[in-house]
Structure formats: C-alpha cells, structure tokens
Protein backbone atom coordinates (compact mmCIF):
# COMPACT_ATOMS: atom_id res chain seq x y z
CA MET A 1 29.77 26.13 16.77
CA ASP A 2 25.76 25.76 16.49
CA VAL A 3 26.17 27.69 13.03
CA ASN A 4 28.81 24.73 11.52
CA TRP A 5 26.94 22.32 12.73
CA ILE A 6 23.62 23.33 11.18
CA ALA A 7 25.45 24.13 7.71
CA ALA A 8 26.88 20.79 7.60
CA THR A 9 23.45 19.10 8.64
CA PRO A 10 22.45 18.86 4.75
CA ALA A 11 25.47 16.80 3.93
CA VAL A 12 25.65 14.73 6.75
CA PHE A 13 22.21 13.66 6.09
CA VAL A 14 22.52 13.01 2.25
CA VAL A 15 25.68 10.64 3.20
CA LEU A 16 23.90 8.89 5.84
CA TRP A 17 20.55 8.54 4.07
CA SER A 18 22.33 7.00 0.93
CA THR A 19 23.41 4.12 2.99
CA GLY A 20 19.83 2.84 4.06
CA PHE A 21 20.04 1.11 0.47
CA ILE A 22 23.37 -0.32 1.22
CA GLY A 23 22.16 -1.62 4.59
CA ALA A 24 18.70 -2.90 3.10
CA LYS A 25 20.61 -5.08 0.64
CA LEU A 26 23.00 -6.55 3.14
CA GLY A 27 20.41 -7.65 5.50
CA LEU A 28 17.54 -8.91 2.64
CA PRO A 29 19.01 -11.77 1.92
CA PHE A 30 18.66 -13.17 5.59
CA SER A 31 15.21 -11.69 6.49
CA GLU A 32 11.43 -10.81 3.99
CA PRO A 33 11.43 -7.07 3.81
CA PHE A 34 8.50 -6.40 5.77
CA THR A 35 9.67 -8.69 8.45
CA PHE A 36 13.17 -7.01 8.68
CA LEU A 37 10.96 -3.21 8.52
CA PHE A 38 8.79 -4.59 11.77
CA THR A 39 11.91 -5.78 13.76
CA ARG A 40 13.60 -2.22 12.90
CA MET A 41 11.06 -0.02 13.91
CA ALA A 42 9.94 -1.54 16.62
CA ILE A 43 13.49 -1.41 18.27
CA VAL A 44 13.01 2.31 17.35
CA ALA A 45 10.44 2.92 18.74
CA GLY A 46 11.11 1.28 22.15
CA LEU A 47 14.95 3.16 22.19
CA LEU A 48 13.07 6.53 21.03
CA SER A 49 10.49 6.19 23.99
CA ALA A 50 12.68 5.27 26.32
CA LEU A 51 14.70 8.21 25.37
CA ALA A 52 12.07 10.70 25.46
CA VAL A 53 10.92 9.91 28.94
CA VAL A 54 14.48 10.28 29.85
CA LEU A 55 15.08 13.50 28.33
CA ARG A 56 11.16 14.16 29.87
CA SER A 57 10.33 15.27 26.19
CA ALA A 58 7.09 16.80 25.31
CA TRP A 59 4.20 14.34 23.98
CA PRO A 60 1.17 14.92 21.64
CA ARG A 61 -1.41 17.27 23.93
CA SER A 62 -4.17 15.92 21.74
CA LEU A 63 -5.61 12.37 19.87
CA ALA A 64 -5.86 14.66 16.85
CA GLU A 65 -2.02 15.91 17.13
CA ALA A 66 -0.99 12.09 17.96
CA GLY A 67 -2.88 10.84 14.79
CA HIS A 68 -1.07 13.73 12.51
CA ILE A 69 2.42 12.35 13.73
CA ALA A 70 1.27 8.67 13.21
CA VAL A 71 -0.06 9.52 9.71
CA SER A 72 3.75 11.09 8.55
CA GLY A 73 4.94 8.00 10.25
CA LEU A 74 3.02 5.86 8.09
CA LEU A 75 4.18 7.84 4.69
CA VAL A 76 7.84 8.60 5.41
CA HIS A 77 8.94 4.83 7.29
CA ALA A 78 5.85 2.20 6.19
CA ALA A 79 5.24 3.54 2.49
CA TYR A 80 8.87 4.58 1.78
CA LEU A 81 11.20 2.09 3.26
CA GLY A 82 8.51 -0.94 2.75
CA GLY A 83 8.42 0.23 -1.10
CA VAL A 84 12.61 0.39 -1.09
CA PHE A 85 12.90 -2.75 0.68
CA ALA A 86 10.41 -4.96 -0.99
CA ALA A 87 11.71 -3.53 -4.29
CA ILE A 88 15.54 -4.11 -3.57
CA HIS A 89 13.86 -7.80 -2.22
CA ALA A 90 12.52 -8.46 -5.76
CA GLY A 91 15.53 -7.87 -7.55
CA MET A 92 15.81 -3.98 -8.30
CA PRO A 93 19.02 -2.71 -8.50
CA ALA A 94 19.73 -0.31 -5.10
CA GLY A 95 21.43 2.17 -7.26
CA LEU A 96 18.60 2.46 -9.70
CA CYS A 97 15.89 2.59 -6.82
CA SER A 98 17.53 4.96 -5.07
CA LEU A 99 17.49 6.96 -8.45
CA ILE A 100 13.77 6.65 -8.69
CA VAL A 101 13.22 7.75 -5.28
CA GLY A 102 15.57 10.44 -5.31
CA LEU A 103 13.07 11.82 -7.96
CA GLN A 104 11.13 13.58 -4.82
CA PRO A 105 12.17 17.09 -5.35
CA LEU A 106 10.42 17.22 -8.71
CA LEU A 107 7.02 15.40 -7.02
CA THR A 108 7.58 17.77 -4.28
CA ALA A 109 7.92 20.55 -6.59
CA MET A 110 4.69 19.92 -8.52
CA LEU A 111 2.67 19.52 -5.37
CA ALA A 112 4.17 22.05 -3.02
CA ARG A 113 1.98 25.15 -4.27
CA ARG A 114 -0.74 23.14 -3.74
CA VAL A 115 -0.16 22.01 -0.21
CA VAL A 116 1.85 24.40 1.40
CA GLY A 117 1.40 27.33 -1.03
CA GLU A 118 5.20 27.39 -2.71
CA ARG A 119 5.29 28.84 -6.35
CA VAL A 120 6.56 26.69 -9.27
CA THR A 121 7.87 29.39 -11.59
CA PRO A 122 8.35 28.42 -15.84
CA ARG A 123 12.35 27.40 -14.75
CA GLN A 124 11.04 24.76 -12.48
CA TRP A 125 8.60 23.30 -14.69
CA LEU A 126 11.49 23.64 -17.69
CA GLY A 127 13.33 21.11 -14.82
CA LEU A 128 10.79 18.67 -14.25
CA SER A 129 10.35 18.20 -17.91
CA LEU A 130 14.40 17.81 -18.23
CA GLY A 131 14.21 15.41 -15.60
CA LEU A 132 11.26 13.17 -17.58
CA ALA A 133 14.11 13.22 -19.71
CA GLY A 134 16.91 12.27 -17.51
CA VAL A 135 14.36 9.33 -15.77
CA THR A 136 13.51 7.60 -19.50
CA LEU A 137 17.77 7.53 -20.03
CA VAL A 138 18.22 5.89 -16.77
CA LEU A 139 15.20 3.64 -17.06
CA GLY A 140 15.84 3.16 -20.59
CA ASP A 141 19.73 1.55 -19.64
CA LYS A 142 18.37 -0.30 -16.37
CA LEU A 143 14.94 -1.69 -18.29
CA ALA A 144 16.51 -3.27 -21.25
CA PRO A 145 20.10 -2.98 -21.12
CA ALA A 146 21.74 -3.99 -24.43
CA GLY A 147 18.66 -5.28 -25.96
CA ALA A 148 17.61 -7.78 -23.04
CA ALA A 149 14.37 -8.09 -21.96
CA VAL A 150 12.45 -5.40 -20.23
CA PHE A 151 12.45 -5.50 -16.53
CA ALA A 152 15.59 -7.97 -16.86
CA GLY A 153 16.60 -9.04 -13.29
CA PHE A 154 13.52 -7.95 -11.98
CA GLY A 155 9.73 -7.42 -12.44
CA PRO A 156 7.81 -4.60 -13.31
CA GLY A 157 6.77 -5.04 -9.76
CA ALA A 158 8.83 -3.76 -8.44
CA LEU A 159 9.53 -0.83 -9.89
CA GLY A 160 5.62 -0.21 -9.18
CA LEU A 161 7.08 -0.77 -5.25
CA SER A 162 9.70 1.48 -5.78
CA ALA A 163 7.18 4.35 -7.40
CA MET A 164 5.20 3.99 -3.96
CA ALA A 165 8.05 4.76 -1.70
CA LEU A 166 8.24 7.73 -3.91
CA ALA A 167 5.05 8.30 -3.61
CA GLY A 168 5.37 7.75 0.44
CA ILE A 169 8.13 10.26 0.93
CA THR A 170 7.15 12.95 -1.28
CA ALA A 171 3.51 12.92 0.59
CA GLY A 172 5.28 12.37 3.99
CA THR A 173 7.60 15.37 3.68
CA LEU A 174 4.52 17.75 2.76
CA TYR A 175 2.36 16.50 5.23
CA GLN A 176 5.51 16.22 7.94
CA LYS A 177 5.78 20.21 7.06
CA ARG A 178 2.03 21.06 7.21
CA PHE A 179 0.79 19.15 10.08
CA CYS A 180 3.83 18.17 12.24
CA SER A 181 6.52 20.55 11.85
CA GLY A 182 6.13 21.35 15.34
CA MET A 183 6.43 17.81 16.97
CA ASN A 184 9.26 16.59 19.38
CA LEU A 185 11.81 15.28 17.90
CA ALA A 186 12.12 12.11 20.02
CA SER A 187 8.42 11.21 21.23
CA GLY A 188 7.28 12.58 17.77
CA THR A 189 9.58 9.96 16.11
CA ALA A 190 9.02 7.22 18.66
CA ILE A 191 5.14 7.30 17.40
CA GLN A 192 6.04 7.56 13.61
CA ASN A 193 8.11 4.17 14.05
CA ALA A 194 5.65 2.56 16.33
CA ALA A 195 2.70 3.29 13.89
CA SER A 196 4.79 1.48 10.93
CA ALA A 197 5.76 -1.19 13.11
CA VAL A 198 2.08 -2.15 13.42
CA ALA A 199 1.82 -1.67 9.88
CA MET A 200 5.01 -3.49 9.09
CA GLY A 201 3.94 -6.60 11.21
CA LEU A 202 0.76 -6.54 9.43
CA ALA A 203 2.03 -6.48 6.47
CA ALA A 204 4.92 -9.66 7.49
CA LEU A 205 2.21 -11.59 9.05
CA THR A 206 -0.27 -11.52 5.74
CA PHE A 207 2.50 -12.09 3.61
CA GLU A 208 5.57 -13.10 4.57
CA THR A 209 6.93 -16.46 7.08
CA MET A 210 8.50 -14.16 9.37
CA ARG A 211 11.22 -15.90 9.79
CA ILE A 212 14.80 -14.48 9.93
CA GLU A 213 18.13 -15.81 9.96
CA TRP A 214 20.63 -14.15 12.85
CA THR A 215 23.93 -13.96 10.98
CA ALA A 216 26.69 -11.18 11.80
CA GLN A 217 25.89 -9.42 8.53
CA PHE A 218 21.99 -9.31 9.41
CA VAL A 219 22.96 -7.99 12.67
CA PHE A 220 25.13 -5.48 11.76
CA ALA A 221 22.72 -4.32 8.95
CA LEU A 222 20.04 -4.28 11.30
CA ALA A 223 22.04 -2.21 13.63
CA TRP A 224 23.26 0.05 10.96
CA LEU A 225 19.88 0.81 10.13
CA VAL A 226 18.38 1.53 13.25
CA LEU A 227 21.41 3.75 15.13
CA VAL A 228 22.38 5.19 12.04
CA LEU A 229 19.43 5.47 9.59
CA SER A 230 16.24 5.38 11.89
CA LEU A 231 18.14 7.33 14.65
CA ALA A 232 20.49 9.94 13.21
CA ALA A 233 19.26 10.55 9.34
CA ILE A 234 15.62 10.40 10.14
CA SER A 235 16.09 13.03 12.81
CA LEU A 236 17.84 14.87 10.64
CA LEU A 237 15.08 14.68 8.49
CA MET A 238 12.67 15.71 10.86
CA LEU A 239 14.96 19.03 11.80
CA LEU A 240 15.50 20.00 8.36
CA ILE A 241 11.80 19.41 7.62
CA ARG A 242 11.41 21.70 10.90
CA ARG A 243 13.77 24.60 9.73
CA GLY A 244 13.57 25.22 5.45
CA ALA A 245 10.59 25.37 2.90
CA VAL A 246 10.11 21.48 1.42
CA SER A 247 11.32 22.50 -1.72
CA ARG A 248 14.94 23.63 -0.31
CA VAL A 249 14.80 20.36 1.88
CA ALA A 250 13.59 18.07 -0.93
CA SER A 251 16.41 19.31 -3.23
CA PHE A 252 18.77 17.34 -0.63
CA PHE A 253 17.67 14.15 -2.47
CA TYR A 254 18.70 14.77 -5.48
CA LEU A 255 22.68 14.18 -4.21
CA VAL A 256 21.50 10.34 -3.11
CA PRO A 257 21.41 8.51 -6.08
CA PRO A 258 24.56 9.26 -7.28
CA LEU A 259 26.15 7.99 -3.60
CA THR A 260 24.36 5.05 -3.45
CA ALA A 261 25.76 4.38 -7.04
CA LEU A 262 29.12 4.66 -5.74
CA GLU A 263 28.76 2.40 -2.69
CA ALA A 264 26.45 -0.05 -4.30
CA TRP A 265 29.62 -0.30 -7.38
CA LEU A 266 32.28 -0.52 -4.39
CA LEU A 267 30.37 -3.35 -2.55
CA PHE A 268 28.25 -5.14 -4.81
CA ASP A 269 29.93 -4.20 -8.25
CA GLU A 270 26.66 -2.83 -9.08
CA ARG A 271 27.35 -1.41 -12.54
CA LEU A 272 25.22 1.63 -14.56
CA GLY A 273 25.49 1.68 -18.18
CA ALA A 274 26.75 5.21 -20.12
CA MET A 275 23.26 5.98 -21.03
CA ALA A 276 21.88 5.47 -16.91
CA LEU A 277 24.74 7.42 -16.47
CA ALA A 278 24.11 10.20 -18.41
CA GLY A 279 20.65 9.98 -17.46
CA MET A 280 21.55 10.87 -13.70
CA LEU A 281 23.51 13.90 -14.78
CA VAL A 282 20.19 14.95 -16.67
CA VAL A 283 18.46 14.37 -13.58
CA ALA A 284 21.13 16.20 -11.19
CA ALA A 285 20.48 18.94 -13.51
CA ALA A 286 16.94 19.05 -13.78
CA VAL A 287 16.20 19.18 -9.95
CA ALA A 288 18.80 21.99 -10.09
CA LEU A 289 16.74 23.78 -12.26
CA VAL A 290 13.38 22.87 -10.15
CA ILE A 291 15.16 24.05 -7.04
CA GLY A 292 17.49 26.35 -7.74
CA ARG A 293 16.75 30.22 -7.02
CA PRO A 294 17.46 32.77 -10.45
CA ALA A 295 20.55 34.65 -10.46
CA ASN A 296 18.56 38.02 -10.09
CA GLY A 297 16.48 36.21 -6.87
C-alpha cells in the first residue's frame, strides 16, 4: 500500500499543482495579488503551526537551520507564487504563465551540477537547445498572434514577473534539496509560509490597497489554494524533493502546462494557437531529453 502511494505521488502532485494557476485566475478579480497571497500564506502558516503542535513535530534545532528553511520558503512561495499571481493579474493567460514556469526542468538541469553535483550530459544539452526552440514557438504565437502587437493583452512586465517565478521555483528547489531536505514537513512548511507571509504583507502594504471582495468565488479560490495547493501539493513537493534527485523532481513540472492549458480552456476559454501547441510538444520533448535516461543507462 505504501509503495503504491509513493508511486502515485508524482501524478497526484502534477494534477494538484496545475490547478494553482486556475485558482489564481478565479480569485484575482476580487483581490490584488500580494494581498491575496498574504492572506493565503498567513492562514496556511497558522494551520500548519497548529498541526505541528498537535503532532508534536520537531522544530529547527538552530537559528541557522530555521534561516535556511525560511530562505527556501521565500524562493518557493514568495518569489514563485508572487511572480505567478502578479503576472496573471497583469493579464498574462494562465496557460502561458504555467508554460513559462514549466521550463523549470531546463534551468534545473543547467544548475544542478554546480549546486548539487548532478552531471548534465550532451544528450541533455541537446534537450536544452530544443527547449529554447519550443519556447520561441510558444512565445512567438502568444506575444504577437496573427500579426497583433507584441505583448497583446499584457505588458512586458508580466513576462518579467513570470520569469521571476521561474527563477524562484528553480532556485528554491535546488536550495531545498541542498539545505533543507531533512526538515519536518509540518513545522518546516509553517516556517516557510510565515516568512513568505511577511514578505507578501510588506509588498501589499507598499504597492497595493489591500482591499478584498469576499465573494463566494474568492472564498472558494482561497480555500482551494490553502487546502489543496499549500497544504497538499506543497507537502508532496517537499516529499518528492526529499526522496529524489532534483533533476527528476523537476521533470514532473513539464506535465503541468498541458494540464493547465486544458483546464484554462474548459473554464476560461483560453485558446492556444497551432504554433503554441507545437511549441508545447517541442518543450515536452526537450524536457524528456534533459531528464530521461539513455536506454543503455
């Protein structure tokens, strides 16, 4: 039973993770992005802290250990989610945002050798080059569709925010593996969310009005993101990072953009053109080259 559950973990994680972009799009009409995230992360930090107390979970034994956990949280939660939410709020389609962030495996492969000693083979470098071609196809279709102006529907700032999210989740995954792989899931994730809530609160105070419309749709989106994403999916991500090499963990992310695109099409009628769809396939093939193992081992 335990073996079957562990084997199913990556698939469950991918499905849950893909819905985060949808939850963001559902809730953002009623709240500014940093205010939304501050509210979400503060609730999660409180729930996980209470859970850690009930379970008598181990807390960091030193300030340095707690600091590493907080830094990983700022990367995985604040930088990543802050970039995603702000990009979608700025008008970037959820499917496109998830595709850009889904390039994490390519960046992870480039950095893994330097950070955690994982070697990048010539086959993987071929995949990296192919991935860049796929991104060019997707962005070429989405940034200037049918001869329209570049960045139609969203400004270049949204692209920069999604790039920040990509950098955050990539750096956070590597940092987590190197410095925090042994952290307790309940207490560690509580610290991560608490640190990120402070960062998002400061950003909201600086750049936003901090007003929220407490509609049924917003409450549903907030509850989904708290319970399904922050408690379930993030815990699965931490478990996967602890159990596997970062390159293999990162490989799960390449499945997220197609799922998100399908969900966005069903719920919001977001459409990807033929060139963008072809680009998605190229990116998937590229990541398979980067992450996959040669037939001869």
